[in-house]
């Protein structure tokens, strides 16, 4: 059961209190999830981490678009684009690459 529900950039953030620690799950408007399984000592820290996760998600999306544009105008080779794109996929979205 969520202890605290807030919003950031259109995403809903649930902060739960489990075994003396606070954890976050972030839900996009389309129902996708982004989460951090780390337990934090305060809900404030958990909230800050959740906002950073959401912000990082938007940065990764913007970088992927930029890289694609650079590839399409032939400023990157396919191999360069692929390597850079894959490096961004190391971050996970609900356990699967973005």
N, C-alpha and C. Protein backbone atom coordinates (compact mmCIF):
# COMPACT_ATOMS: atom_id res chain seq x y z
N UNK A 1 0.84 -1.18 0.00
CA UNK A 1 0.00 0.00 0.00
C UNK A 1 0.89 1.24 0.00
N UNK A 2 0.64 2.19 -0.92
CA UNK A 2 1.49 3.37 -0.99
C UNK A 2 1.39 4.25 0.25
N UNK A 3 2.50 4.74 0.67
CA UNK A 3 2.54 5.69 1.78
C UNK A 3 2.28 7.09 1.25
N UNK A 4 2.81 7.37 0.06
CA UNK A 4 2.75 8.71 -0.51
C UNK A 4 2.63 8.57 -2.02
N UNK A 5 1.74 9.36 -2.61
CA UNK A 5 1.62 9.40 -4.06
C UNK A 5 1.77 10.85 -4.49
N UNK A 6 2.68 11.08 -5.43
CA UNK A 6 2.94 12.41 -5.96
C UNK A 6 3.08 12.31 -7.47
N UNK A 7 3.24 13.45 -8.13
CA UNK A 7 3.38 13.48 -9.58
C UNK A 7 4.60 14.31 -9.97
N UNK A 8 5.22 13.90 -11.08
CA UNK A 8 6.37 14.61 -11.64
C UNK A 8 6.36 14.40 -13.14
N UNK A 9 6.31 15.49 -13.91
CA UNK A 9 6.30 15.42 -15.37
C UNK A 9 5.20 14.52 -15.93
N UNK A 10 4.08 14.49 -15.27
CA UNK A 10 2.96 13.68 -15.72
C UNK A 10 3.01 12.24 -15.23
N UNK A 11 4.05 11.86 -14.55
CA UNK A 11 4.19 10.51 -14.03
C UNK A 11 3.69 10.48 -12.59
N UNK A 12 3.09 9.36 -12.22
CA UNK A 12 2.68 9.17 -10.83
C UNK A 12 3.80 8.43 -10.10
N UNK A 13 4.18 8.93 -8.95
CA UNK A 13 5.22 8.31 -8.13
C UNK A 13 4.57 7.78 -6.86
N UNK A 14 4.75 6.49 -6.63
CA UNK A 14 4.29 5.88 -5.38
C UNK A 14 5.50 5.59 -4.51
N UNK A 15 5.42 6.04 -3.29
CA UNK A 15 6.48 5.74 -2.32
C UNK A 15 5.87 4.84 -1.25
N UNK A 16 6.47 3.67 -1.08
CA UNK A 16 5.95 2.72 -0.10
C UNK A 16 6.96 2.53 1.02
N UNK A 17 6.45 2.18 2.17
CA UNK A 17 7.29 1.92 3.34
C UNK A 17 7.29 0.42 3.58
N UNK A 18 8.44 -0.20 3.35
CA UNK A 18 8.56 -1.65 3.48
C UNK A 18 9.75 -1.96 4.38
N UNK A 19 9.49 -2.66 5.46
CA UNK A 19 10.53 -3.10 6.38
C UNK A 19 11.47 -1.96 6.79
N UNK A 20 10.91 -0.83 7.15
CA UNK A 20 11.70 0.29 7.64
C UNK A 20 12.39 1.11 6.56
N UNK A 21 12.13 0.82 5.31
CA UNK A 21 12.75 1.55 4.19
C UNK A 21 11.67 2.05 3.24
N UNK A 22 12.03 3.07 2.46
CA UNK A 22 11.11 3.63 1.47
C UNK A 22 11.58 3.26 0.07
N UNK A 23 10.64 2.78 -0.75
CA UNK A 23 10.93 2.43 -2.14
C UNK A 23 9.98 3.18 -3.05
N UNK A 24 10.38 3.31 -4.33
CA UNK A 24 9.57 4.06 -5.28
C UNK A 24 9.22 3.22 -6.50
N UNK A 25 8.05 3.49 -7.03
CA UNK A 25 7.63 2.99 -8.34
C UNK A 25 7.02 4.17 -9.06
N UNK A 26 7.44 4.38 -10.31
CA UNK A 26 6.94 5.49 -11.11
C UNK A 26 6.11 4.94 -12.26
N UNK A 27 4.93 5.51 -12.47
CA UNK A 27 4.03 5.07 -13.54
C UNK A 27 3.86 6.18 -14.56
N UNK A 28 4.08 5.84 -15.82
CA UNK A 28 3.86 6.82 -16.89
C UNK A 28 2.37 6.94 -17.16
N UNK A 29 1.95 7.96 -17.91
CA UNK A 29 0.52 8.09 -18.24
C UNK A 29 -0.04 6.88 -18.98
N UNK A 30 0.83 6.14 -19.71
CA UNK A 30 0.33 4.96 -20.43
C UNK A 30 0.43 3.68 -19.60
N UNK A 31 0.84 3.80 -18.33
CA UNK A 31 0.86 2.65 -17.42
C UNK A 31 2.17 1.91 -17.32
N UNK A 32 3.20 2.34 -18.05
CA UNK A 32 4.51 1.72 -17.94
C UNK A 32 5.12 2.07 -16.59
N UNK A 33 6.08 1.26 -16.16
CA UNK A 33 6.68 1.48 -14.84
C UNK A 33 8.18 1.69 -14.93
N UNK A 34 8.65 2.49 -14.00
CA UNK A 34 10.07 2.72 -13.81
C UNK A 34 10.28 2.63 -12.31
N UNK A 35 11.27 1.86 -11.87
CA UNK A 35 11.40 1.65 -10.43
C UNK A 35 12.85 1.59 -9.98
N UNK A 36 12.99 1.79 -8.70
CA UNK A 36 14.28 1.67 -8.02
C UNK A 36 14.02 0.80 -6.80
N UNK A 37 14.67 -0.33 -6.73
CA UNK A 37 14.43 -1.28 -5.65
C UNK A 37 15.26 -0.99 -4.40
N UNK A 38 16.05 0.06 -4.46
CA UNK A 38 16.85 0.44 -3.29
C UNK A 38 15.92 0.93 -2.19
N UNK A 39 16.19 0.57 -0.97
CA UNK A 39 15.43 1.08 0.16
C UNK A 39 16.11 2.30 0.75
N UNK A 40 15.36 3.38 0.94
CA UNK A 40 15.92 4.62 1.47
C UNK A 40 15.39 4.87 2.87
N UNK A 41 16.16 5.61 3.65
CA UNK A 41 15.79 5.86 5.03
C UNK A 41 14.68 6.89 5.18
N UNK A 42 14.49 7.73 4.18
CA UNK A 42 13.43 8.74 4.27
C UNK A 42 12.63 8.80 2.98
N UNK A 43 11.38 9.22 3.12
CA UNK A 43 10.52 9.36 1.94
C UNK A 43 11.00 10.51 1.07
N UNK A 44 11.64 11.50 1.66
CA UNK A 44 12.15 12.63 0.90
C UNK A 44 13.24 12.19 -0.07
N UNK A 45 14.15 11.36 0.40
CA UNK A 45 15.21 10.85 -0.47
C UNK A 45 14.61 9.97 -1.56
N UNK A 46 13.66 9.11 -1.21
CA UNK A 46 13.00 8.26 -2.20
C UNK A 46 12.31 9.10 -3.27
N UNK A 47 11.66 10.18 -2.86
CA UNK A 47 10.99 11.09 -3.78
C UNK A 47 12.00 11.75 -4.74
N UNK A 48 13.13 12.20 -4.20
CA UNK A 48 14.16 12.82 -5.03
C UNK A 48 14.72 11.83 -6.04
N UNK A 49 14.95 10.60 -5.61
CA UNK A 49 15.45 9.56 -6.51
C UNK A 49 14.44 9.28 -7.61
N UNK A 50 13.17 9.20 -7.27
CA UNK A 50 12.12 8.95 -8.26
C UNK A 50 12.09 10.06 -9.31
N UNK A 51 12.20 11.30 -8.88
CA UNK A 51 12.21 12.42 -9.83
C UNK A 51 13.43 12.33 -10.75
N UNK A 52 14.57 11.95 -10.20
CA UNK A 52 15.78 11.79 -11.02
C UNK A 52 15.62 10.66 -12.02
N UNK A 53 15.01 9.56 -11.63
CA UNK A 53 14.77 8.45 -12.56
C UNK A 53 13.91 8.89 -13.74
N UNK A 54 12.88 9.64 -13.44
CA UNK A 54 11.99 10.13 -14.50
C UNK A 54 12.75 11.10 -15.41
N UNK A 55 13.50 12.01 -14.82
CA UNK A 55 14.27 12.96 -15.61
C UNK A 55 15.30 12.24 -16.49
N UNK A 56 15.95 11.23 -15.94
CA UNK A 56 16.93 10.45 -16.71
C UNK A 56 16.26 9.72 -17.87
N UNK A 57 15.06 9.24 -17.65
CA UNK A 57 14.31 8.58 -18.72
C UNK A 57 14.11 9.55 -19.89
N UNK A 58 13.68 10.78 -19.59
CA UNK A 58 13.47 11.77 -20.65
C UNK A 58 14.77 12.14 -21.35
N UNK A 59 15.86 12.19 -20.62
CA UNK A 59 17.15 12.49 -21.23
C UNK A 59 17.56 11.37 -22.18
N UNK A 60 17.38 10.12 -21.77
CA UNK A 60 17.72 8.99 -22.65
C UNK A 60 16.90 9.01 -23.93
N UNK A 61 15.61 9.32 -23.83
CA UNK A 61 14.76 9.40 -25.01
C UNK A 61 15.26 10.50 -25.94
N UNK A 62 15.59 11.66 -25.38
CA UNK A 62 16.09 12.78 -26.20
C UNK A 62 17.42 12.41 -26.87
N UNK A 63 18.30 11.76 -26.13
CA UNK A 63 19.58 11.34 -26.72
C UNK A 63 19.38 10.33 -27.84
N UNK A 64 18.47 9.40 -27.66
CA UNK A 64 18.20 8.42 -28.71
C UNK A 64 17.67 9.10 -29.97
N UNK A 65 16.79 10.07 -29.81
CA UNK A 65 16.28 10.81 -30.97
C UNK A 65 17.40 11.57 -31.67
N UNK A 66 18.25 12.23 -30.88
CA UNK A 66 19.37 12.97 -31.44
C UNK A 66 20.30 12.04 -32.21
N UNK A 67 20.64 10.91 -31.63
CA UNK A 67 21.52 9.96 -32.31
C UNK A 67 20.91 9.46 -33.60
N UNK A 68 19.63 9.19 -33.58
CA UNK A 68 18.95 8.73 -34.80
C UNK A 68 19.01 9.81 -35.89
N UNK A 69 18.79 11.05 -35.50
CA UNK A 69 18.87 12.16 -36.46
C UNK A 69 20.28 12.27 -37.04
N UNK A 70 21.29 12.12 -36.20
CA UNK A 70 22.67 12.19 -36.67
C UNK A 70 22.99 11.06 -37.63
N UNK A 71 22.47 9.90 -37.37
CA UNK A 71 22.66 8.77 -38.27
C UNK A 71 21.95 9.03 -39.60
N UNK A 72 20.73 9.54 -39.54
CA UNK A 72 19.96 9.76 -40.76
C UNK A 72 20.58 10.83 -41.66
N UNK A 73 21.25 11.81 -41.08
CA UNK A 73 21.92 12.81 -41.92
C UNK A 73 23.39 12.45 -42.15
N UNK A 74 23.73 11.21 -41.84
CA UNK A 74 25.02 10.60 -42.14
C UNK A 74 26.20 11.25 -41.41
N UNK A 75 25.94 11.72 -40.20
CA UNK A 75 27.05 12.20 -39.36
C UNK A 75 27.58 11.08 -38.47
N UNK A 76 26.84 9.98 -38.41
CA UNK A 76 27.27 8.77 -37.70
C UNK A 76 27.15 7.59 -38.65
N UNK A 77 28.11 6.68 -38.55
CA UNK A 77 27.98 5.44 -39.30
C UNK A 77 26.97 4.56 -38.57
N UNK A 78 26.54 3.50 -39.22
CA UNK A 78 25.61 2.58 -38.58
C UNK A 78 26.24 1.99 -37.33
N UNK A 79 27.51 1.62 -37.41
CA UNK A 79 28.19 1.01 -36.27
C UNK A 79 28.29 1.99 -35.10
N UNK A 80 28.60 3.25 -35.39
CA UNK A 80 28.67 4.27 -34.33
C UNK A 80 27.30 4.46 -33.68
N UNK A 81 26.28 4.60 -34.53
CA UNK A 81 24.92 4.78 -34.01
C UNK A 81 24.52 3.58 -33.14
N UNK A 82 24.80 2.38 -33.64
CA UNK A 82 24.41 1.17 -32.91
C UNK A 82 25.12 1.09 -31.56
N UNK A 83 26.40 1.37 -31.51
CA UNK A 83 27.14 1.31 -30.25
C UNK A 83 26.62 2.35 -29.25
N UNK A 84 26.39 3.56 -29.71
CA UNK A 84 25.88 4.60 -28.82
C UNK A 84 24.47 4.28 -28.35
N UNK A 85 23.65 3.81 -29.25
CA UNK A 85 22.27 3.45 -28.91
C UNK A 85 22.26 2.32 -27.87
N UNK A 86 23.10 1.32 -28.09
CA UNK A 86 23.16 0.20 -27.16
C UNK A 86 23.69 0.63 -25.79
N UNK A 87 24.57 1.61 -25.76
CA UNK A 87 25.08 2.07 -24.47
C UNK A 87 23.95 2.70 -23.65
N UNK A 88 22.99 3.32 -24.32
CA UNK A 88 21.84 3.88 -23.61
C UNK A 88 20.88 2.79 -23.16
N UNK A 89 20.88 1.65 -23.83
CA UNK A 89 20.00 0.54 -23.47
C UNK A 89 20.44 -0.17 -22.20
N UNK A 90 21.61 0.16 -21.68
CA UNK A 90 22.04 -0.45 -20.42
C UNK A 90 21.14 -0.04 -19.28
N UNK A 91 20.46 1.11 -19.45
CA UNK A 91 19.45 1.52 -18.49
C UNK A 91 18.19 0.74 -18.84
N UNK A 92 17.45 0.32 -17.85
CA UNK A 92 16.29 -0.50 -18.14
C UNK A 92 14.99 0.21 -17.83
N UNK A 93 14.01 -0.18 -18.56
CA UNK A 93 12.65 0.31 -18.42
C UNK A 93 11.82 -0.91 -18.09
N UNK A 94 11.36 -1.04 -16.90
CA UNK A 94 10.58 -2.18 -16.45
C UNK A 94 11.27 -3.49 -16.79
N UNK A 95 12.60 -3.50 -16.62
CA UNK A 95 13.36 -4.72 -16.81
C UNK A 95 13.75 -5.01 -18.25
N UNK A 96 13.31 -4.20 -19.21
CA UNK A 96 13.68 -4.42 -20.60
C UNK A 96 14.29 -3.15 -21.16
N UNK A 97 15.17 -3.27 -22.16
CA UNK A 97 15.79 -2.07 -22.71
C UNK A 97 14.77 -1.12 -23.30
N UNK A 98 15.10 0.15 -23.25
CA UNK A 98 14.24 1.18 -23.86
C UNK A 98 14.25 1.05 -25.36
